[in-house]
């Protein structure tokens, strides 16, 4: 089995999980200790899940997510705004309206 087919199989198994084993989040907090990463997942500002992972897995996860984002942005020729960028644009728009 090729790496791509293994990834496809893993994705399909994930999609087939029952609803109680799926999690949506729209916010997060990340902290790092000398031992590991702590990732707090939030939905509508409420903590819904806590993840702990090793530095190696945390770094690898970050690199892989960035690679997927870069690929998507390249294919669509459209950048995905970060939460900080969205908040700044909203603040700028509100500032212009109040002038």
Protein backbone atom coordinates (compact mmCIF):
# COMPACT_ATOMS: atom_id res chain seq x y z
CA UNK A 1 0.00 0.00 0.00
CA UNK A 2 1.41 3.40 -0.95
CA UNK A 3 1.69 6.27 1.50
CA UNK A 4 -1.05 8.17 -0.36
CA UNK A 5 -3.47 5.23 -0.18
CA UNK A 6 -2.68 4.79 3.53
CA UNK A 7 -3.50 8.47 4.09
CA UNK A 8 -6.72 8.11 2.06
CA UNK A 9 -7.72 5.06 4.12
CA UNK A 10 -6.99 6.91 7.37
CA UNK A 11 -9.06 9.91 6.24
CA UNK A 12 -11.95 7.64 5.27
CA UNK A 13 -11.85 5.89 8.66
CA UNK A 14 -11.89 9.29 10.35
CA UNK A 15 -14.86 10.46 8.30
CA UNK A 16 -16.73 7.26 9.20
CA UNK A 17 -16.41 7.80 12.96
CA UNK A 18 -19.66 8.28 14.87
CA UNK A 19 -20.63 11.87 15.77
CA UNK A 20 -19.56 11.51 19.41
CA UNK A 21 -16.01 10.86 18.21
CA UNK A 22 -15.84 13.98 16.03
CA UNK A 23 -14.91 17.41 17.32
CA UNK A 24 -15.31 20.89 15.86
CA UNK A 25 -13.39 23.84 17.25
CA UNK A 26 -13.15 27.49 16.26
CA UNK A 27 -10.57 28.69 18.75
CA UNK A 28 -7.52 27.46 20.57
CA UNK A 29 -4.76 28.26 23.02
CA UNK A 30 -1.32 26.69 22.81
CA UNK A 31 1.33 26.48 25.49
CA UNK A 32 4.67 24.71 25.57
CA UNK A 33 6.42 23.26 28.59
CA UNK A 34 9.90 21.72 28.72
CA UNK A 35 8.16 18.36 28.30
CA UNK A 36 5.39 18.84 25.73
CA UNK A 37 2.82 21.05 24.03
CA UNK A 38 -0.56 21.74 25.61
CA UNK A 39 -3.30 22.60 23.13
CA UNK A 40 -6.68 23.77 24.44
CA UNK A 41 -9.41 23.54 21.80
CA UNK A 42 -12.39 25.86 22.13
CA UNK A 43 -15.79 26.21 20.54
CA UNK A 44 -17.40 29.63 20.94
CA UNK A 45 -14.89 30.54 23.69
CA UNK A 46 -15.69 27.40 25.72
CA UNK A 47 -13.01 24.76 26.26
CA UNK A 48 -14.10 21.52 24.60
CA UNK A 49 -10.93 19.44 24.52
CA UNK A 50 -7.36 19.37 25.77
CA UNK A 51 -4.52 17.83 23.77
CA UNK A 52 -1.04 17.07 25.03
CA UNK A 53 1.66 16.07 22.58
CA UNK A 54 5.41 15.77 22.36
CA UNK A 55 7.54 18.55 20.91
CA UNK A 56 8.32 16.36 17.90
CA UNK A 57 4.67 15.67 17.08
CA UNK A 58 3.69 19.30 17.77
CA UNK A 59 6.33 20.63 15.40
CA UNK A 60 5.50 18.05 12.74
CA UNK A 61 1.79 18.89 13.01
CA UNK A 62 2.52 22.60 12.55
CA UNK A 63 4.71 21.97 9.51
CA UNK A 64 2.15 19.65 7.91
CA UNK A 65 -0.74 22.08 8.48
CA UNK A 66 1.33 24.93 7.00
CA UNK A 67 2.12 22.78 3.96
CA UNK A 68 -1.57 22.03 3.38
CA UNK A 69 -2.48 25.72 3.78
CA UNK A 70 0.29 26.78 1.40
CA UNK A 71 -0.91 24.24 -1.18
CA UNK A 72 -4.52 25.41 -0.89
CA UNK A 73 -3.54 29.08 -1.17
CA UNK A 74 -1.35 28.30 -4.18
CA UNK A 75 -4.08 26.36 -5.98
CA UNK A 76 -6.77 28.95 -5.28
CA UNK A 77 -4.54 32.02 -5.53
CA UNK A 78 -6.36 33.19 -2.41
CA UNK A 79 -4.73 33.63 0.99
CA UNK A 80 -6.51 32.35 4.09
CA UNK A 81 -6.60 35.09 6.69
CA UNK A 82 -5.39 34.31 10.19
CA UNK A 83 -7.60 35.22 13.13
CA UNK A 84 -5.29 38.15 13.91
CA UNK A 85 -5.66 39.41 10.32
CA UNK A 86 -9.46 39.09 10.46
CA UNK A 87 -9.61 40.96 13.77
CA UNK A 88 -7.32 43.69 12.43
CA UNK A 89 -9.43 44.17 9.29
CA UNK A 90 -12.59 44.41 11.40
CA UNK A 91 -10.93 46.95 13.70
CA UNK A 92 -9.71 48.96 10.69
CA UNK A 93 -13.18 48.94 9.10
CA UNK A 94 -14.82 50.03 12.36
CA UNK A 95 -12.22 52.77 12.75
CA UNK A 96 -12.93 54.09 9.24
CA UNK A 97 -16.68 54.12 9.92
CA UNK A 98 -16.25 56.19 13.07
CA UNK A 99 -14.20 58.89 11.30
